[in-house]
C-alpha atoms as a PDB file:
ATOM      1  CA  UNK A   1      -2.690 -24.447 -22.592  1.00  0.00           C
ATOM      2  CA  UNK A   2      -1.931 -23.008 -19.063  1.00  0.00           C
ATOM      3  CA  UNK A   3      -4.475 -23.199 -16.433  1.00  0.00           C
ATOM      4  CA  UNK A   4      -5.727 -19.225 -15.964  1.00  0.00           C
ATOM      5  CA  UNK A   5      -6.385 -19.742 -12.314  1.00  0.00           C
ATOM      6  CA  UNK A   6      -2.572 -19.785 -12.039  1.00  0.00           C
ATOM      7  CA  UNK A   7      -2.269 -16.523 -13.601  1.00  0.00           C
ATOM      8  CA  UNK A   8      -2.195 -13.408 -11.755  1.00  0.00           C
ATOM      9  CA  UNK A   9      -3.081 -10.079 -13.356  1.00  0.00           C
ATOM     10  CA  UNK A  10      -0.745  -7.336 -12.148  1.00  0.00           C
ATOM     11  CA  UNK A  11      -1.474  -3.462 -12.226  1.00  0.00           C
ATOM     12  CA  UNK A  12       1.785  -1.562 -11.488  1.00  0.00           C
ATOM     13  CA  UNK A  13       1.578   2.191 -11.511  1.00  0.00           C
ATOM     14  CA  UNK A  14       4.541   3.928 -13.209  1.00  0.00           C
ATOM     15  CA  UNK A  15       4.815   7.438 -11.743  1.00  0.00           C
ATOM     16  CA  UNK A  16       7.976   8.059 -14.088  1.00  0.00           C
ATOM     17  CA  UNK A  17       6.035   7.526 -17.120  1.00  0.00           C
ATOM     18  CA  UNK A  18       2.030   8.609 -16.302  1.00  0.00           C
ATOM     19  CA  UNK A  19       1.321   5.332 -17.056  1.00  0.00           C
ATOM     20  CA  UNK A  20      -0.254   1.982 -15.448  1.00  0.00           C
ATOM     21  CA  UNK A  21       1.490  -1.245 -16.645  1.00  0.00           C
ATOM     22  CA  UNK A  22      -0.743  -4.325 -16.963  1.00  0.00           C
ATOM     23  CA  UNK A  23       1.142  -7.511 -16.458  1.00  0.00           C
ATOM     24  CA  UNK A  24       0.536 -11.525 -16.213  1.00  0.00           C
ATOM     25  CA  UNK A  25       2.311 -13.343 -13.287  1.00  0.00           C
ATOM     26  CA  UNK A  26       2.908 -16.891 -13.675  1.00  0.00           C
ATOM     27  CA  UNK A  27       2.194 -18.373 -10.180  1.00  0.00           C
ATOM     28  CA  UNK A  28       4.042 -21.635 -10.687  1.00  0.00           C
ATOM     29  CA  UNK A  29       7.177 -20.224 -12.278  1.00  0.00           C
ATOM     30  CA  UNK A  30       7.246 -16.652 -10.998  1.00  0.00           C
ATOM     31  CA  UNK A  31       7.890 -15.184 -14.468  1.00  0.00           C
ATOM     32  CA  UNK A  32       6.263 -11.888 -15.560  1.00  0.00           C
ATOM     33  CA  UNK A  33       5.153 -10.817 -18.774  1.00  0.00           C
ATOM     34  CA  UNK A  34       3.995  -7.006 -19.556  1.00  0.00           C
ATOM     35  CA  UNK A  35       0.886  -6.932 -21.638  1.00  0.00           C
ATOM     36  CA  UNK A  36       0.524  -3.195 -22.068  1.00  0.00           C
ATOM     37  CA  UNK A  37       0.813   0.071 -20.732  1.00  0.00           C
ATOM     38  CA  UNK A  38      -2.249   2.319 -20.172  1.00  0.00           C
ATOM     39  CA  UNK A  39      -1.244   6.090 -20.335  1.00  0.00           C
ATOM     40  CA  UNK A  40      -3.117   8.234 -18.043  1.00  0.00           C
ATOM     41  CA  UNK A  41      -5.281  10.719 -20.170  1.00  0.00           C
ATOM     42  CA  UNK A  42      -4.288  14.351 -20.380  1.00  0.00           C
ATOM     43  CA  UNK A  43      -1.407  14.244 -18.196  1.00  0.00           C
ATOM     44  CA  UNK A  44       2.400  13.754 -18.892  1.00  0.00           C
ATOM     45  CA  UNK A  45       5.837  13.804 -17.101  1.00  0.00           C
ATOM     46  CA  UNK A  46       6.702  11.972 -13.832  1.00  0.00           C
ATOM     47  CA  UNK A  47       5.612  12.608 -10.070  1.00  0.00           C
ATOM     48  CA  UNK A  48       6.897  11.002  -6.767  1.00  0.00           C
ATOM     49  CA  UNK A  49       4.739   8.201  -6.464  1.00  0.00           C
ATOM     50  CA  UNK A  50       1.052   7.065  -7.651  1.00  0.00           C
ATOM     51  CA  UNK A  51      -0.797   5.449  -5.083  1.00  0.00           C
ATOM     52  CA  UNK A  52      -3.336   3.047  -6.254  1.00  0.00           C
ATOM     53  CA  UNK A  53      -6.653   1.286  -5.053  1.00  0.00           C
ATOM     54  CA  UNK A  54      -9.295  -1.276  -6.239  1.00  0.00           C
ATOM     55  CA  UNK A  55     -12.860  -1.943  -4.940  1.00  0.00           C
ATOM     56  CA  UNK A  56     -13.733  -4.802  -3.285  1.00  0.00           C
ATOM     57  CA  UNK A  57     -14.922  -6.756  -6.383  1.00  0.00           C
ATOM     58  CA  UNK A  58     -11.827  -5.473  -8.527  1.00  0.00           C
ATOM     59  CA  UNK A  59     -13.382  -4.073 -11.424  1.00  0.00           C
ATOM     60  CA  UNK A  60     -12.576  -0.524 -10.690  1.00  0.00           C
ATOM     61  CA  UNK A  61      -9.068   1.116  -9.973  1.00  0.00           C
ATOM     62  CA  UNK A  62      -8.212   4.506  -8.953  1.00  0.00           C
ATOM     63  CA  UNK A  63      -4.926   6.125  -9.344  1.00  0.00           C
ATOM     64  CA  UNK A  64      -3.976   9.473  -7.680  1.00  0.00           C
ATOM     65  CA  UNK A  65      -1.614  11.352 -10.206  1.00  0.00           C
ATOM     66  CA  UNK A  66       0.610  13.780  -7.889  1.00  0.00           C
ATOM     67  CA  UNK A  67       2.242  15.795 -10.915  1.00  0.00           C
ATOM     68  CA  UNK A  68       1.605  19.377 -11.735  1.00  0.00           C
ATOM     69  CA  UNK A  69      -2.116  18.659 -12.202  1.00  0.00           C
ATOM     70  CA  UNK A  70      -3.094  16.484  -9.540  1.00  0.00           C
ATOM     71  CA  UNK A  71      -5.902  13.912 -10.724  1.00  0.00           C
ATOM     72  CA  UNK A  72      -7.672  10.882  -9.371  1.00  0.00           C
ATOM     73  CA  UNK A  73      -7.939   8.800 -12.506  1.00  0.00           C
ATOM     74  CA  UNK A  74     -10.732   5.961 -12.311  1.00  0.00           C
ATOM     75  CA  UNK A  75     -10.588   2.891 -14.709  1.00  0.00           C
ATOM     76  CA  UNK A  76     -12.954  -0.158 -15.088  1.00  0.00           C
ATOM     77  CA  UNK A  77     -11.181  -3.640 -15.087  1.00  0.00           C
ATOM     78  CA  UNK A  78     -11.903  -6.813 -16.669  1.00  0.00           C
ATOM     79  CA  UNK A  79      -9.700  -9.348 -14.743  1.00  0.00           C
ATOM     80  CA  UNK A  80     -10.657 -12.211 -17.155  1.00  0.00           C
ATOM     81  CA  UNK A  81      -9.057 -10.023 -20.426  1.00  0.00           C
ATOM     82  CA  UNK A  82      -6.824  -8.035 -18.310  1.00  0.00           C
ATOM     83  CA  UNK A  83      -8.333  -4.821 -19.897  1.00  0.00           C
ATOM     84  CA  UNK A  84      -8.380  -1.425 -18.357  1.00  0.00           C
ATOM     85  CA  UNK A  85     -10.861   1.057 -19.588  1.00  0.00           C
ATOM     86  CA  UNK A  86     -11.389   5.068 -18.542  1.00  0.00           C
ATOM     87  CA  UNK A  87     -14.215   5.639 -15.908  1.00  0.00           C
ATOM     88  CA  UNK A  88     -13.443   8.987 -14.430  1.00  0.00           C
ATOM     89  CA  UNK A  89     -11.003  11.950 -14.024  1.00  0.00           C
ATOM     90  CA  UNK A  90     -11.343  14.004 -11.196  1.00  0.00           C
ATOM     91  CA  UNK A  91      -9.115  16.978  -9.614  1.00  0.00           C
ATOM     92  CA  UNK A  92      -7.663  15.987  -6.370  1.00  0.00           C
ATOM     93  CA  UNK A  93      -7.218  19.058  -3.496  1.00  0.00           C
ATOM     94  CA  UNK A  94      -3.351  18.160  -2.972  1.00  0.00           C
ATOM     95  CA  UNK A  95      -0.884  15.873  -3.763  1.00  0.00           C
ATOM     96  CA  UNK A  96      -1.731  12.454  -2.536  1.00  0.00           C
ATOM     97  CA  UNK A  97       0.283  10.006  -1.118  1.00  0.00           C
ATOM     98  CA  UNK A  98      -2.225   7.438  -0.110  1.00  0.00           C
ATOM     99  CA  UNK A  99      -5.988   6.893  -1.403  1.00  0.00           C
ATOM    100  CA  UNK A 100      -8.187   3.924  -0.146  1.00  0.00           C
ATOM    101  CA  UNK A 101     -11.832   3.027  -0.230  1.00  0.00           C
ATOM    102  CA  UNK A 102     -14.100   2.378   2.917  1.00  0.00           C
ATOM    103  CA  UNK A 103     -15.170  -0.701   3.672  1.00  0.00           C
ATOM    104  CA  UNK A 104     -18.296  -0.538   1.356  1.00  0.00           C
ATOM    105  CA  UNK A 105     -16.995   1.425  -1.283  1.00  0.00           C
ATOM    106  CA  UNK A 106     -19.123   4.148  -1.126  1.00  0.00           C
ATOM    107  CA  UNK A 107     -16.199   6.869   0.387  1.00  0.00           C
ATOM    108  CA  UNK A 108     -12.671   7.571  -0.899  1.00  0.00           C
ATOM    109  CA  UNK A 109     -10.201   8.648   1.823  1.00  0.00           C
ATOM    110  CA  UNK A 110      -6.951  10.289   1.081  1.00  0.00           C
ATOM    111  CA  UNK A 111      -3.773  11.316   2.836  1.00  0.00           C
ATOM    112  CA  UNK A 112      -1.561  14.242   1.834  1.00  0.00           C
ATOM    113  CA  UNK A 113       1.714  14.356   3.764  1.00  0.00           C
ATOM    114  CA  UNK A 114       3.207  17.720   1.728  1.00  0.00           C
ATOM    115  CA  UNK A 115      -0.114  19.305   2.194  1.00  0.00           C
ATOM    116  CA  UNK A 116      -0.801  17.846   5.606  1.00  0.00           C
ATOM    117  CA  UNK A 117      -4.590  16.869   4.967  1.00  0.00           C
ATOM    118  CA  UNK A 118      -7.027  14.225   4.928  1.00  0.00           C
ATOM    119  CA  UNK A 119     -10.088  14.225   2.503  1.00  0.00           C
ATOM    120  CA  UNK A 120     -13.176  12.313   2.238  1.00  0.00           C
ATOM    121  CA  UNK A 121     -15.014  12.033  -1.236  1.00  0.00           C
ATOM    122  CA  UNK A 122     -17.977  10.156  -2.531  1.00  0.00           C
ATOM    123  CA  UNK A 123     -18.034   7.303  -4.624  1.00  0.00           C
ATOM    124  CA  UNK A 124     -21.762   6.822  -6.802  1.00  0.00           C
ATOM    125  CA  UNK A 125     -23.345   3.819  -7.608  1.00  0.00           C
ATOM    126  CA  UNK A 126     -21.182   3.385 -11.113  1.00  0.00           C
ATOM    127  CA  UNK A 127     -18.043   4.036  -9.072  1.00  0.00           C
ATOM    128  CA  UNK A 128     -17.299   7.521 -10.013  1.00  0.00           C
ATOM    129  CA  UNK A 129     -16.035   9.553  -7.556  1.00  0.00           C
ATOM    130  CA  UNK A 130     -17.208  13.110  -6.713  1.00  0.00           C
ATOM    131  CA  UNK A 131     -15.411  16.492  -5.474  1.00  0.00           C
ATOM    132  CA  UNK A 132     -14.296  16.056  -1.712  1.00  0.00           C
ATOM    133  CA  UNK A 133     -16.892  16.536   1.007  1.00  0.00           C
ATOM    134  CA  UNK A 134     -14.406  17.395   3.536  1.00  0.00           C
ATOM    135  CA  UNK A 135     -10.824  18.469   3.913  1.00  0.00           C
ATOM    136  CA  UNK A 136      -9.398  18.735   7.258  1.00  0.00           C
ATOM    137  CA  UNK A 137      -5.883  19.313   8.682  1.00  0.00           C
ATOM    138  CA  UNK A 138      -3.600  16.259   9.298  1.00  0.00           C
ATOM    139  CA  UNK A 139       0.048  17.209   9.855  1.00  0.00           C
ATOM    140  CA  UNK A 140       2.125  14.810   7.795  1.00  0.00           C
ATOM    141  CA  UNK A 141      -0.371  12.225   7.291  1.00  0.00           C
ATOM    142  CA  UNK A 142       1.145   9.541   5.307  1.00  0.00           C
ATOM    143  CA  UNK A 143      -1.636   7.127   4.729  1.00  0.00           C
ATOM    144  CA  UNK A 144      -4.853   6.547   6.160  1.00  0.00           C
ATOM    145  CA  UNK A 145      -5.755   2.923   6.711  1.00  0.00           C
ATOM    146  CA  UNK A 146      -9.165   1.479   7.963  1.00  0.00           C
ATOM    147  CA  UNK A 147      -9.008  -1.235  10.626  1.00  0.00           C
ATOM    148  CA  UNK A 148     -11.320  -3.864  11.259  1.00  0.00           C
ATOM    149  CA  UNK A 149     -12.987  -1.846  13.903  1.00  0.00           C
ATOM    150  CA  UNK A 150     -13.940   0.759  11.409  1.00  0.00           C
ATOM    151  CA  UNK A 151     -11.662   3.312  12.680  1.00  0.00           C
ATOM    152  CA  UNK A 152      -8.768   5.284  10.674  1.00  0.00           C
ATOM    153  CA  UNK A 153      -5.496   5.372  11.512  1.00  0.00           C
ATOM    154  CA  UNK A 154      -3.117   7.988  10.026  1.00  0.00           C
ATOM    155  CA  UNK A 155       0.694   7.719  10.935  1.00  0.00           C
ATOM    156  CA  UNK A 156       2.011  11.294  10.824  1.00  0.00           C
ATOM    157  CA  UNK A 157       5.725  10.897   9.318  1.00  0.00           C
ATOM    158  CA  UNK A 158       7.205  14.007  10.431  1.00  0.00           C
ATOM    159  CA  UNK A 159       4.878  14.721  13.509  1.00  0.00           C
ATOM    160  CA  UNK A 160       5.822  11.682  15.202  1.00  0.00           C
ATOM    161  CA  UNK A 161       2.132  10.200  16.269  1.00  0.00           C
ATOM    162  CA  UNK A 162      -0.554   8.051  14.853  1.00  0.00           C
ATOM    163  CA  UNK A 163      -4.019  10.051  14.736  1.00  0.00           C
ATOM    164  CA  UNK A 164      -7.165   7.799  15.069  1.00  0.00           C
ATOM    165  CA  UNK A 165     -10.484   9.008  13.276  1.00  0.00           C
ATOM    166  CA  UNK A 166     -13.996   7.876  12.958  1.00  0.00           C
ATOM    167  CA  UNK A 167     -16.274   8.841  10.347  1.00  0.00           C
ATOM    168  CA  UNK A 168     -18.850  11.084  11.132  1.00  0.00           C
ATOM    169  CA  UNK A 169     -22.507   9.754  10.989  1.00  0.00           C
ATOM    170  CA  UNK A 170     -23.161  11.121   7.499  1.00  0.00           C
ATOM    171  CA  UNK A 171     -19.627   9.747   6.354  1.00  0.00           C
ATOM    172  CA  UNK A 172     -18.824  13.095   5.026  1.00  0.00           C
ATOM    173  CA  UNK A 173     -16.093  13.786   7.171  1.00  0.00           C
ATOM    174  CA  UNK A 174     -13.268  12.564  10.009  1.00  0.00           C
ATOM    175  CA  UNK A 175     -13.763  13.031  13.436  1.00  0.00           C
ATOM    176  CA  UNK A 176     -10.497  12.602  15.914  1.00  0.00           C
ATOM    177  CA  UNK A 177     -11.073   9.967  18.440  1.00  0.00           C
ATOM    178  CA  UNK A 178      -7.701   8.989  19.782  1.00  0.00           C
ATOM    179  CA  UNK A 179      -3.875   9.425  19.345  1.00  0.00           C
ATOM    180  CA  UNK A 180      -0.650   7.829  19.945  1.00  0.00           C
ATOM    181  CA  UNK A 181       2.759   9.204  20.352  1.00  0.00           C
ATOM    182  CA  UNK A 182       5.559   7.757  18.700  1.00  0.00           C
ATOM    183  CA  UNK A 183       9.096   8.098  19.696  1.00  0.00           C
ATOM    184  CA  UNK A 184      10.715  11.212  18.760  1.00  0.00           C
ATOM    185  CA  UNK A 185      12.097  11.668  15.095  1.00  0.00           C
ATOM    186  CA  UNK A 186      11.298   7.987  14.512  1.00  0.00           C
ATOM    187  CA  UNK A 187       8.955   8.775  11.418  1.00  0.00           C
ATOM    188  CA  UNK A 188       5.795   6.626  11.664  1.00  0.00           C
ATOM    189  CA  UNK A 189       5.040   5.816   7.726  1.00  0.00           C
ATOM    190  CA  UNK A 190       2.841   2.427   7.431  1.00  0.00           C
ATOM    191  CA  UNK A 191       0.563   0.534   9.455  1.00  0.00           C
ATOM    192  CA  UNK A 192      -1.031  -2.898   9.339  1.00  0.00           C
ATOM    193  CA  UNK A 193      -3.680  -4.615  11.150  1.00  0.00           C
ATOM    194  CA  UNK A 194      -4.449  -8.497  11.840  1.00  0.00           C
ATOM    195  CA  UNK A 195      -7.815  -9.450  10.577  1.00  0.00           C
ATOM    196  CA  UNK A 196      -9.216  -9.775  14.225  1.00  0.00           C
ATOM    197  CA  UNK A 197      -8.339  -6.221  14.805  1.00  0.00           C
ATOM    198  CA  UNK A 198      -6.576  -6.673  18.196  1.00  0.00           C
ATOM    199  CA  UNK A 199      -2.988  -6.031  16.984  1.00  0.00           C
ATOM    200  CA  UNK A 200      -1.153  -3.482  14.590  1.00  0.00           C
ATOM    201  CA  UNK A 201       2.330  -3.266  13.351  1.00  0.00           C
ATOM    202  CA  UNK A 202       3.643   0.191  12.615  1.00  0.00           C
ATOM    203  CA  UNK A 203       6.576   0.783  10.372  1.00  0.00           C
ATOM    204  CA  UNK A 204       8.983   4.013  11.288  1.00  0.00           C
ATOM    205  CA  UNK A 205      11.014   4.966   8.339  1.00  0.00           C
ATOM    206  CA  UNK A 206      13.565   7.092   9.851  1.00  0.00           C
ATOM    207  CA  UNK A 207      14.733   4.721  12.593  1.00  0.00           C
ATOM    208  CA  UNK A 208      13.921   1.321  10.860  1.00  0.00           C
ATOM    209  CA  UNK A 209      11.725  -0.156  13.433  1.00  0.00           C
ATOM    210  CA  UNK A 210       8.605  -2.328  13.363  1.00  0.00           C
ATOM    211  CA  UNK A 211       6.389  -1.462  16.529  1.00  0.00           C
ATOM    212  CA  UNK A 212       3.780  -4.369  17.473  1.00  0.00           C
ATOM    213  CA  UNK A 213       0.715  -2.237  19.057  1.00  0.00           C
ATOM    214  CA  UNK A 214      -2.180  -3.771  21.106  1.00  0.00           C
ATOM    215  CA  UNK A 215      -5.230  -2.154  19.627  1.00  0.00           C
ATOM    216  CA  UNK A 216      -7.616  -0.926  22.829  1.00  0.00           C
ATOM    217  CA  UNK A 217     -11.577  -1.295  23.091  1.00  0.00           C
ATOM    218  CA  UNK A 218     -11.830   2.496  22.412  1.00  0.00           C
ATOM    219  CA  UNK A 219      -9.372   2.389  19.092  1.00  0.00           C
ATOM    220  CA  UNK A 220      -6.395   3.704  20.974  1.00  0.00           C
ATOM    221  CA  UNK A 221      -2.878   2.080  20.730  1.00  0.00           C
ATOM    222  CA  UNK A 222      -0.423   0.637  23.337  1.00  0.00           C
ATOM    223  CA  UNK A 223       3.060  -0.239  21.895  1.00  0.00           C
ATOM    224  CA  UNK A 224       4.210  -3.784  23.240  1.00  0.00           C
ATOM    225  CA  UNK A 225       7.281  -4.270  21.516  1.00  0.00           C
ATOM    226  CA  UNK A 226       9.632  -2.413  18.997  1.00  0.00           C
ATOM    227  CA  UNK A 227      12.179  -4.186  16.801  1.00  0.00           C
ATOM    228  CA  UNK A 228      15.109  -2.688  14.681  1.00  0.00           C
ATOM    229  CA  UNK A 229      15.440  -3.820  10.974  1.00  0.00           C
ATOM    230  CA  UNK A 230      18.886  -2.670  10.849  1.00  0.00           C
ATOM    231  CA  UNK A 231      22.176  -2.766  12.956  1.00  0.00           C
ATOM    232  CA  UNK A 232      22.572  -0.114  15.448  1.00  0.00           C
ATOM    233  CA  UNK A 233      24.092   3.227  13.630  1.00  0.00           C
ATOM    234  CA  UNK A 234      23.086   2.017  10.120  1.00  0.00           C
ATOM    235  CA  UNK A 235      20.786   4.869   8.561  1.00  0.00           C
ATOM    236  CA  UNK A 236      17.467   3.590   7.633  1.00  0.00           C
ATOM    237  CA  UNK A 237      15.013   4.243   4.931  1.00  0.00           C
ATOM    238  CA  UNK A 238      12.186   2.063   5.568  1.00  0.00           C
ATOM    239  CA  UNK A 239       9.323   1.850   3.249  1.00  0.00           C
ATOM    240  CA  UNK A 240       6.373  -0.420   3.555  1.00  0.00           C
ATOM    241  CA  UNK A 241       5.036  -3.766   5.356  1.00  0.00           C
ATOM    242  CA  UNK A 242       2.517  -6.416   4.676  1.00  0.00           C
ATOM    243  CA  UNK A 243       1.144  -9.375   6.779  1.00  0.00           C
ATOM    244  CA  UNK A 244       1.715 -13.127   5.421  1.00  0.00           C
ATOM    245  CA  UNK A 245      -1.823 -14.832   4.418  1.00  0.00           C
ATOM    246  CA  UNK A 246      -1.621 -16.639   8.024  1.00  0.00           C
ATOM    247  CA  UNK A 247      -0.506 -13.382   9.849  1.00  0.00           C
ATOM    248  CA  UNK A 248       2.552 -15.535  11.373  1.00  0.00           C
ATOM    249  CA  UNK A 249       5.305 -13.454   9.197  1.00  0.00           C
ATOM    250  CA  UNK A 250       5.121  -9.851   8.602  1.00  0.00           C
ATOM    251  CA  UNK A 251       7.272  -8.227   5.492  1.00  0.00           C
ATOM    252  CA  UNK A 252       9.051  -4.984   5.325  1.00  0.00           C
ATOM    253  CA  UNK A 253      11.102  -3.290   2.730  1.00  0.00           C
ATOM    254  CA  UNK A 254      13.996  -0.931   3.524  1.00  0.00           C
ATOM    255  CA  UNK A 255      15.326   1.228   0.367  1.00  0.00           C
ATOM    256  CA  UNK A 256      18.966   2.342   1.689  1.00  0.00           C
ATOM    257  CA  UNK A 257      19.927  -1.414   1.648  1.00  0.00           C
ATOM    258  CA  UNK A 258      17.333  -2.291  -0.743  1.00  0.00           C
ATOM    259  CA  UNK A 259      16.254  -5.628   1.153  1.00  0.00           C
ATOM    260  CA  UNK A 260      12.894  -6.994   2.197  1.00  0.00           C
ATOM    261  CA  UNK A 261      12.743  -8.547   5.798  1.00  0.00           C
ATOM    262  CA  UNK A 262      10.759 -11.724   6.889  1.00  0.00           C
ATOM    263  CA  UNK A 263       9.814 -10.991  10.441  1.00  0.00           C
ATOM    264  CA  UNK A 264       8.330 -14.141  12.646  1.00  0.00           C
ATOM    265  CA  UNK A 265       5.485 -13.093  14.661  1.00  0.00           C
ATOM    266  CA  UNK A 266       6.017 -15.054  17.533  1.00  0.00           C
ATOM    267  CA  UNK A 267       3.689 -14.372  20.838  1.00  0.00           C
ATOM    268  CA  UNK A 268       5.506 -11.707  22.960  1.00  0.00           C
ATOM    269  CA  UNK A 269       8.685 -11.437  20.499  1.00  0.00           C
ATOM    270  CA  UNK A 270       9.278 -10.424  17.026  1.00  0.00           C
ATOM    271  CA  UNK A 271      12.239 -12.221  15.297  1.00  0.00           C
ATOM    272  CA  UNK A 272      13.751 -11.661  11.674  1.00  0.00           C
ATOM    273  CA  UNK A 273      14.207 -14.905  10.051  1.00  0.00           C
ATOM    274  CA  UNK A 274      15.306 -13.991   6.604  1.00  0.00           C
ATOM    275  CA  UNK A 275      16.700 -11.106   4.661  1.00  0.00           C
ATOM    276  CA  UNK A 276      16.770 -11.055   0.935  1.00  0.00           C
ATOM    277  CA  UNK A 277      17.825  -8.698  -1.788  1.00  0.00           C
ATOM    278  CA  UNK A 278      15.130  -6.483  -3.668  1.00  0.00           C
ATOM    279  CA  UNK A 279      14.947  -4.449  -6.642  1.00  0.00           C
ATOM    280  CA  UNK A 280      16.955  -1.070  -6.283  1.00  0.00           C
ATOM    281  CA  UNK A 281      14.775   1.095  -3.782  1.00  0.00           C
ATOM    282  CA  UNK A 282      12.006  -0.954  -2.834  1.00  0.00           C
ATOM    283  CA  UNK A 283       9.264   1.446  -2.206  1.00  0.00           C
ATOM    284  CA  UNK A 284       6.418  -0.779  -2.674  1.00  0.00           C
ATOM    285  CA  UNK A 285       5.541  -4.245  -2.615  1.00  0.00           C
ATOM    286  CA  UNK A 286       2.180  -6.759  -2.255  1.00  0.00           C
ATOM    287  CA  UNK A 287       1.219 -10.258  -1.807  1.00  0.00           C
ATOM    288  CA  UNK A 288      -1.387 -12.030  -3.767  1.00  0.00           C
ATOM    289  CA  UNK A 289      -4.578 -12.711  -2.147  1.00  0.00           C
ATOM    290  CA  UNK A 290      -3.455 -16.463  -1.267  1.00  0.00           C
ATOM    291  CA  UNK A 291      -0.134 -15.221  -0.146  1.00  0.00           C
ATOM    292  CA  UNK A 292       1.960 -17.577  -2.178  1.00  0.00           C
ATOM    293  CA  UNK A 293       3.899 -15.014  -4.098  1.00  0.00           C
ATOM    294  CA  UNK A 294       5.528 -11.498  -2.840  1.00  0.00           C
ATOM    295  CA  UNK A 295       5.794  -8.796  -6.008  1.00  0.00           C
ATOM    296  CA  UNK A 296       8.361  -6.029  -5.037  1.00  0.00           C
ATOM    297  CA  UNK A 297       8.838  -2.833  -7.225  1.00  0.00           C
ATOM    298  CA  UNK A 298      12.327  -1.236  -7.550  1.00  0.00           C
ATOM    299  CA  UNK A 299      11.650   2.522  -8.019  1.00  0.00           C
ATOM    300  CA  UNK A 300      14.877   3.373  -8.971  1.00  0.00           C
ATOM    301  CA  UNK A 301      15.602   0.690 -11.297  1.00  0.00           C
ATOM    302  CA  UNK A 302      12.594   0.123 -12.891  1.00  0.00           C
ATOM    303  CA  UNK A 303      12.711  -3.806 -11.800  1.00  0.00           C
ATOM    304  CA  UNK A 304       9.392  -5.726 -10.392  1.00  0.00           C
ATOM    305  CA  UNK A 305      10.662  -9.062  -8.794  1.00  0.00           C
ATOM    306  CA  UNK A 306       8.670 -12.009  -7.736  1.00  0.00           C
ATOM    307  CA  UNK A 307       9.371 -14.354  -4.551  1.00  0.00           C
ATOM    308  CA  UNK A 308       7.720 -17.725  -3.908  1.00  0.00           C
ATOM    309  CA  UNK A 309       6.399 -17.578  -0.308  1.00  0.00           C
ATOM    310  CA  UNK A 310       7.648 -20.617   1.824  1.00  0.00           C
ATOM    311  CA  UNK A 311       5.817 -22.627   4.134  1.00  0.00           C
ATOM    312  CA  UNK A 312       7.818 -20.999   6.875  1.00  0.00           C
ATOM    313  CA  UNK A 313       7.168 -17.615   5.429  1.00  0.00           C
ATOM    314  CA  UNK A 314      10.553 -17.358   4.046  1.00  0.00           C
ATOM    315  CA  UNK A 315      11.107 -15.780   0.358  1.00  0.00           C
ATOM    316  CA  UNK A 316      12.660 -17.474  -2.431  1.00  0.00           C
ATOM    317  CA  UNK A 317      13.350 -15.251  -5.565  1.00  0.00           C
ATOM    318  CA  UNK A 318      11.262 -16.672  -8.823  1.00  0.00           C
ATOM    319  CA  UNK A 319      11.409 -13.913 -11.475  1.00  0.00           C
ATOM    320  CA  UNK A 320      12.007 -10.479 -12.633  1.00  0.00           C
ATOM    321  CA  UNK A 321      11.013  -7.841 -15.287  1.00  0.00           C
ATOM    322  CA  UNK A 322      12.035  -4.489 -16.463  1.00  0.00           C
ATOM    323  CA  UNK A 323       8.512  -2.978 -16.309  1.00  0.00           C
ATOM    324  CA  UNK A 324       9.250   0.866 -16.783  1.00  0.00           C
ATOM    325  CA  UNK A 325      10.352   4.182 -14.932  1.00  0.00           C
ATOM    326  CA  UNK A 326       9.127   4.683 -11.334  1.00  0.00           C
ATOM    327  CA  UNK A 327       7.185   1.885 -10.462  1.00  0.00           C
ATOM    328  CA  UNK A 328       5.696   2.968  -7.208  1.00  0.00           C
ATOM    329  CA  UNK A 329       2.401   0.908  -6.367  1.00  0.00           C
ATOM    330  CA  UNK A 330       1.195  -2.705  -7.400  1.00  0.00           C
ATOM    331  CA  UNK A 331      -2.127  -4.287  -7.133  1.00  0.00           C
ATOM    332  CA  UNK A 332      -2.345  -8.238  -7.716  1.00  0.00           C
ATOM    333  CA  UNK A 333      -5.558  -9.631  -9.007  1.00  0.00           C
ATOM    334  CA  UNK A 334      -6.498 -13.550 -10.074  1.00  0.00           C
ATOM    335  CA  UNK A 335      -9.573 -15.661 -10.495  1.00  0.00           C
ATOM    336  CA  UNK A 336      -8.945 -16.898  -6.674  1.00  0.00           C
ATOM    337  CA  UNK A 337      -7.048 -13.835  -5.258  1.00  0.00           C
ATOM    338  CA  UNK A 338      -8.247 -10.667  -3.470  1.00  0.00           C
ATOM    339  CA  UNK A 339      -6.737  -7.484  -4.741  1.00  0.00           C
ATOM    340  CA  UNK A 340      -4.031  -6.019  -2.172  1.00  0.00           C
ATOM    341  CA  UNK A 341      -2.712  -2.275  -1.871  1.00  0.00           C
ATOM    342  CA  UNK A 342       0.104  -1.421   0.014  1.00  0.00           C
ATOM    343  CA  UNK A 343       0.787   1.679   2.246  1.00  0.00           C
END
């Protein structure tokens, strides 16, 4: 019998089926198996992407359904058995493109690009979310990421800036504290922070660039370096980024070319060290908690693909699975792993 520590649990949002797919990933071979699909109760049809987030313990999962009836579904998750059970079903104030929990799991924060809002909702001791405590204007906010400094960063996809917020003293609302303006029409979409909080990496969708930013003492940002993913003149549709476990490599996905880029983060200069083929339209991907395997989703093809991560950060294709319609978010879990949620 295989050692269970070498099996990762995967939860994949299927926005084309109003369901969550539960899969097993063999860390040694990269092979994946579909265990079951769990339908979202009371909704049907499809929507344009379904964000997921897990709490720190990995035993509560939240899915933001963006269909006609906008809902935040909560599930309890038993990692050992791989079972999901319904926990909650809460109305959402808008079509949510990003959902996150604050560091202590007591607030859910959401961003809505279409409705240009950010919101803060409470979470009780049982993991049940409540109605929003505040809903605020936030032009074209595409995500809302809590950095190690405790501040929240919201790239404005069509507004061309990154808004920086702090939670109010009662943690019921977000207060703007700084703003960084991106190059015009660049489309800031996704932001990642190093563990020490001193550096951020911003992916811009419309121009397909990665910008390395210094995080200032007051929470503001200062651009240090920008690098294009694609040759000049090639139309970009960049999607998501993640730092490797040792933070020496950044990974980025690009949808027009269906590729994943491995970028070495040498001090003072970023450098693409590898480009690999990805499933068709890789809107979302994630790394397992130990950084050994990268899992990429093909939103158009319905394929999930795994890659082994080498010591130098390069990727080797390992496994493939047709998981369902519209895979748009993935959370990996394991007995020795930490859940990772994409932006």
